[in-house]
Protein backbone atom coordinates (compact mmCIF):
# COMPACT_ATOMS: atom_id res chain seq x y z
CA UNK A 1 14.45 -38.25 261.37
CA UNK A 2 13.81 -41.16 263.78
CA UNK A 3 16.95 -40.43 265.81
CA UNK A 4 15.89 -36.78 266.10
CA UNK A 5 12.43 -37.75 267.33
CA UNK A 6 13.88 -40.24 269.83
CA UNK A 7 16.10 -37.46 271.18
CA UNK A 8 13.12 -35.11 271.36
CA UNK A 9 10.96 -37.63 273.20
CA UNK A 10 13.84 -38.48 275.55
CA UNK A 11 14.33 -34.84 276.50
CA UNK A 12 10.61 -34.41 277.13
CA UNK A 13 10.49 -37.53 279.30
CA UNK A 14 13.46 -36.23 281.28
CA UNK A 15 11.60 -32.95 281.78
CA UNK A 16 8.57 -34.83 283.08
CA UNK A 17 10.72 -36.90 285.46
CA UNK A 18 12.43 -33.78 286.80
CA UNK A 19 9.05 -32.12 287.38
CA UNK A 20 7.82 -35.12 289.36
CA UNK A 21 11.05 -35.31 291.36
CA UNK A 22 10.97 -31.57 291.94
CA UNK A 23 7.62 -31.78 293.73
CA UNK A 24 9.38 -32.51 296.99
CA UNK A 25 8.32 -30.65 300.10
CA UNK A 26 11.97 -29.69 300.46
CA UNK A 27 12.84 -26.95 298.01
CA UNK A 28 15.60 -24.44 297.46
CA UNK A 29 12.83 -21.93 296.80
CA UNK A 30 12.45 -21.44 300.54
CA UNK A 31 15.87 -19.82 300.67
CA UNK A 32 16.04 -16.02 300.77
CA UNK A 33 16.23 -14.28 297.42
CA UNK A 34 14.76 -17.15 295.38
CA UNK A 35 11.31 -16.75 293.87
CA UNK A 36 9.10 -19.45 292.37
CA UNK A 37 6.49 -17.11 290.93
CA UNK A 38 5.80 -17.57 287.24
CA UNK A 39 7.49 -15.31 284.74
CA UNK A 40 4.10 -15.26 283.03
CA UNK A 41 0.61 -15.60 284.43
CA UNK A 42 0.05 -19.05 282.92
CA UNK A 43 3.43 -20.82 282.82
CA UNK A 44 5.31 -21.72 286.01
CA UNK A 45 9.06 -21.28 286.16
CA UNK A 46 10.87 -24.45 285.27
CA UNK A 47 14.02 -23.61 287.21
CA UNK A 48 14.69 -21.44 290.25
CA UNK A 49 17.49 -19.57 288.48
CA UNK A 50 16.81 -16.92 285.85
CA UNK A 51 19.55 -18.02 283.47
CA UNK A 52 22.51 -20.32 283.43
CA UNK A 53 25.01 -22.54 281.69
CA UNK A 54 25.61 -26.14 282.77
CA UNK A 55 28.59 -27.99 281.32
CA UNK A 56 28.51 -31.75 281.74
CA UNK A 57 31.43 -34.11 282.12
CA UNK A 58 32.57 -35.94 278.96
CA UNK A 59 31.13 -39.43 278.50
CA UNK A 60 32.91 -42.25 276.70
CA UNK A 61 30.82 -45.28 275.75
CA UNK A 62 32.21 -47.96 273.42
CA UNK A 63 34.76 -45.56 272.00
CA UNK A 64 32.26 -42.77 271.41
CA UNK A 65 32.99 -39.56 273.30
CA UNK A 66 30.20 -37.06 273.93
CA UNK A 67 30.11 -33.70 275.70
CA UNK A 68 26.93 -31.73 276.36
CA UNK A 69 26.15 -28.21 277.50
CA UNK A 70 22.85 -26.75 278.68
CA UNK A 71 21.98 -23.07 278.19
CA UNK A 72 18.79 -21.57 279.59
CA UNK A 73 17.11 -18.21 280.11
CA UNK A 74 13.82 -16.87 281.48
CA UNK A 75 13.82 -19.50 284.25
CA UNK A 76 13.99 -22.32 281.72
CA UNK A 77 11.32 -21.10 279.31
CA UNK A 78 14.08 -20.93 276.72
CA UNK A 79 16.59 -23.74 276.73
CA UNK A 80 19.24 -25.07 274.38
CA UNK A 81 21.17 -28.32 274.72
CA UNK A 82 24.30 -28.75 272.65
CA UNK A 83 25.73 -32.25 272.25
CA UNK A 84 29.11 -32.85 270.61
CA UNK A 85 30.02 -36.43 269.69
CA UNK A 86 33.33 -37.74 268.36
CA UNK A 87 33.98 -41.32 267.30
CA UNK A 88 36.47 -43.40 265.35
CA UNK A 89 35.03 -46.84 264.74
CA UNK A 90 36.42 -49.31 262.22
CA UNK A 91 38.10 -46.57 260.24
CA UNK A 92 35.07 -44.29 260.18
CA UNK A 93 35.88 -41.03 261.94
CA UNK A 94 33.00 -38.69 262.69
CA UNK A 95 32.35 -35.43 264.49
CA UNK A 96 28.78 -34.30 265.19
CA UNK A 97 27.23 -31.36 266.98
CA UNK A 98 23.49 -31.44 267.60
CA UNK A 99 21.32 -28.75 269.15
CA UNK A 100 17.90 -29.08 270.78
CA UNK A 101 16.09 -25.82 271.52
CA UNK A 102 12.97 -25.50 273.67
CA UNK A 103 11.33 -22.10 273.33
CA UNK A 104 7.81 -21.70 274.64
CA UNK A 105 5.50 -24.12 272.87
CA UNK A 106 8.05 -25.63 270.51
CA UNK A 107 11.16 -27.80 270.41
CA UNK A 108 13.52 -27.35 267.48
CA UNK A 109 16.34 -29.79 266.69
CA UNK A 110 19.08 -29.49 264.13
CA UNK A 111 22.58 -30.62 263.20
CA UNK A 112 25.08 -27.84 263.63
CA UNK A 113 27.94 -29.99 262.35
CA UNK A 114 28.39 -33.46 260.90
CA UNK A 115 31.79 -34.35 259.51
CA UNK A 116 32.35 -37.98 258.43
CA UNK A 117 35.88 -38.93 257.32
CA UNK A 118 36.57 -35.29 256.54
CA UNK A 119 33.40 -34.86 254.47
CA UNK A 120 30.76 -32.33 255.52
CA UNK A 121 27.41 -34.17 255.69
CA UNK A 122 25.58 -31.59 257.81
CA UNK A 123 21.85 -31.57 257.17
CA UNK A 124 20.43 -28.09 256.79
CA UNK A 125 16.97 -29.18 257.91
CA UNK A 126 15.71 -28.33 261.41
CA UNK A 127 12.68 -30.12 262.83
CA UNK A 128 10.10 -28.10 264.75
CA UNK A 129 7.75 -29.92 267.12
CA UNK A 130 4.72 -28.54 268.96
CA UNK A 131 5.16 -29.76 272.55
CA UNK A 132 2.20 -28.01 274.19
CA UNK A 133 0.23 -31.20 274.77
CA UNK A 134 3.25 -33.07 276.15
CA UNK A 135 4.25 -30.10 278.31
CA UNK A 136 0.76 -29.84 279.79
CA UNK A 137 0.88 -33.56 280.58
CA UNK A 138 4.30 -33.13 282.21
CA UNK A 139 3.08 -30.18 284.26
CA UNK A 140 0.07 -32.21 285.40
CA UNK A 141 2.38 -35.05 286.36
CA UNK A 142 4.42 -32.62 288.41
CA UNK A 143 1.50 -30.92 290.17
CA UNK A 144 -1.99 -32.43 290.23
CA UNK A 145 -0.91 -36.08 290.28
CA UNK A 146 2.63 -35.52 291.48
CA UNK A 147 2.22 -37.31 294.80
CA UNK A 148 0.58 -40.36 293.20
CA UNK A 149 3.26 -40.43 290.53
CA UNK A 150 5.98 -40.31 293.17
CA UNK A 151 4.32 -43.22 294.96
CA UNK A 152 4.04 -45.28 291.76
CA UNK A 153 7.69 -44.63 290.94
CA UNK A 154 8.71 -45.29 294.56
CA UNK A 155 10.29 -41.84 294.69
CA UNK A 156 12.84 -41.47 297.49
CA UNK A 157 14.99 -38.61 298.64
CA UNK A 158 18.48 -39.91 299.33
CA UNK A 159 19.90 -36.92 301.20
CA UNK A 160 22.18 -34.40 299.54
CA UNK A 161 25.13 -34.60 297.19
CA UNK A 162 27.67 -32.07 295.96
CA UNK A 163 27.86 -31.85 292.17
CA UNK A 164 29.77 -29.17 290.25
CA UNK A 165 30.53 -27.38 293.51
CA UNK A 166 26.91 -26.98 294.68
CA UNK A 167 24.78 -29.05 297.05
CA UNK A 168 21.65 -30.56 295.55
CA UNK A 169 18.95 -33.01 296.58
CA UNK A 170 19.69 -36.59 295.64
CA UNK A 171 16.67 -38.67 294.66
CA UNK A 172 15.90 -42.03 293.15
CA UNK A 173 12.93 -43.58 291.34
CA UNK A 174 12.09 -47.06 290.15
CA UNK A 175 10.95 -47.45 286.56
CA UNK A 176 10.07 -51.12 287.14
CA UNK A 177 7.20 -51.80 289.55
CA UNK A 178 8.06 -55.49 289.58
CA UNK A 179 11.67 -54.90 290.60
CA UNK A 180 12.04 -51.69 292.58
CA UNK A 181 15.70 -52.43 293.28
CA UNK A 182 16.45 -51.31 289.72
CA UNK A 183 16.57 -47.58 290.26
CA UNK A 184 17.44 -44.37 288.47
CA UNK A 185 19.32 -41.81 290.56
CA UNK A 186 19.61 -38.08 290.10
CA UNK A 187 20.60 -34.83 291.78
CA UNK A 188 18.49 -31.68 291.54
CA UNK A 189 19.74 -28.18 292.32
CA UNK A 190 17.12 -25.43 292.14
CA UNK A 191 15.18 -27.86 289.91
CA UNK A 192 18.13 -28.18 287.51
CA UNK A 193 19.10 -31.78 286.88
CA UNK A 194 22.84 -31.97 287.60
CA UNK A 195 23.23 -35.73 287.64
CA UNK A 196 21.41 -38.76 286.24
CA UNK A 197 22.50 -42.34 286.71
CA UNK A 198 20.93 -45.41 285.16
CA UNK A 199 22.99 -48.53 285.63
CA UNK A 200 26.53 -47.80 284.50
CA UNK A 201 25.58 -44.69 282.54
CA UNK A 202 26.17 -41.45 284.43
CA UNK A 203 25.48 -37.93 283.15
CA UNK A 204 27.05 -35.48 285.59
CA UNK A 205 27.59 -31.73 285.57
CA UNK A 206 31.16 -30.49 285.77
CA UNK A 207 30.33 -26.79 286.05
CA UNK A 208 27.28 -24.60 286.62
CA UNK A 209 27.16 -20.85 286.02
CA UNK A 210 24.12 -19.26 287.66
CA UNK A 211 22.51 -16.11 286.23
CA UNK A 212 24.99 -16.16 283.36
CA UNK A 213 24.57 -13.96 280.30
CA UNK A 214 23.37 -16.31 277.55
CA UNK A 215 23.45 -14.97 273.96
CA UNK A 216 20.05 -14.90 272.22
CA UNK A 217 21.67 -16.73 269.29
CA UNK A 218 21.80 -19.90 271.40
CA UNK A 219 18.01 -20.16 271.02
CA UNK A 220 17.90 -19.44 267.29
CA UNK A 221 18.32 -21.65 264.23
CA UNK A 222 21.24 -20.40 262.13
CA UNK A 223 20.60 -18.84 258.74
CA UNK A 224 20.45 -21.23 255.80
CA UNK A 225 18.35 -23.91 257.47
CA UNK A 226 14.93 -25.13 256.33
CA UNK A 227 12.50 -25.67 259.21
CA UNK A 228 10.24 -28.71 258.89
CA UNK A 229 7.26 -29.07 261.23
CA UNK A 230 6.85 -32.56 262.70
CA UNK A 231 3.94 -33.97 264.69
CA UNK A 232 5.20 -35.57 267.90
CA UNK A 233 1.93 -37.47 268.33
CA UNK A 234 2.13 -38.99 264.84
CA UNK A 235 5.80 -39.91 265.19
CA UNK A 236 5.18 -41.63 268.53
CA UNK A 237 2.32 -43.62 266.97
CA UNK A 238 4.30 -44.83 263.93
CA UNK A 239 5.97 -47.93 265.51
CA UNK A 240 2.61 -49.23 266.74
CA UNK A 241 0.99 -48.65 263.38
CA UNK A 242 3.77 -50.44 261.56
CA UNK A 243 3.59 -53.33 263.95
CA UNK A 244 -0.13 -53.72 263.22
CA UNK A 245 0.35 -53.82 259.45
């Protein structure tokens, strides 16, 4: 459960960071044929592409290989991230496939596959988290206080960079006010994060398919799963509460 919540919180923080970074005066939305009007009257479009598939380059860290793919539709209102991890450590061989779905007000996470030494240990429990409060905070960070946030993070545009065959805006931010030389770098293309680099860890897109046909099943929990509702606010507060006991 804790690893699922950490992944959920990490994805939400990445969304907030992308929103702040995307508040640049320079935007692909000024190009002909690209609209930034909301697909609904109350929720702005997250991306400047209606649908797409982004395949990221494999990562190998300490013998653990991971590959991730992003699927989205309705300008990012519906999004699914699939992560496949393979490892063989000290005789323990494992294969895992995890899926995180964001659809409107909720994020749902589940294990699609978990095979350990040939044994199927896949959990058939999906966690469902209400992210409205966090999303509203992220949107506020990206709009009302975006400029102040960019100043606090020492946001810089670093020119352009070609990733997965397209040219995006390279940016960097500092997550440490005391040492602004320690920076996180990224590349945005039509508000889609194609590259993130923190220290020696690099997540980089290998391929992007714009306006691709994405099956509705990518945003659905497979049959046979139990859905458990989890409070993000309570889960985030748990470590502090335990530390005070």
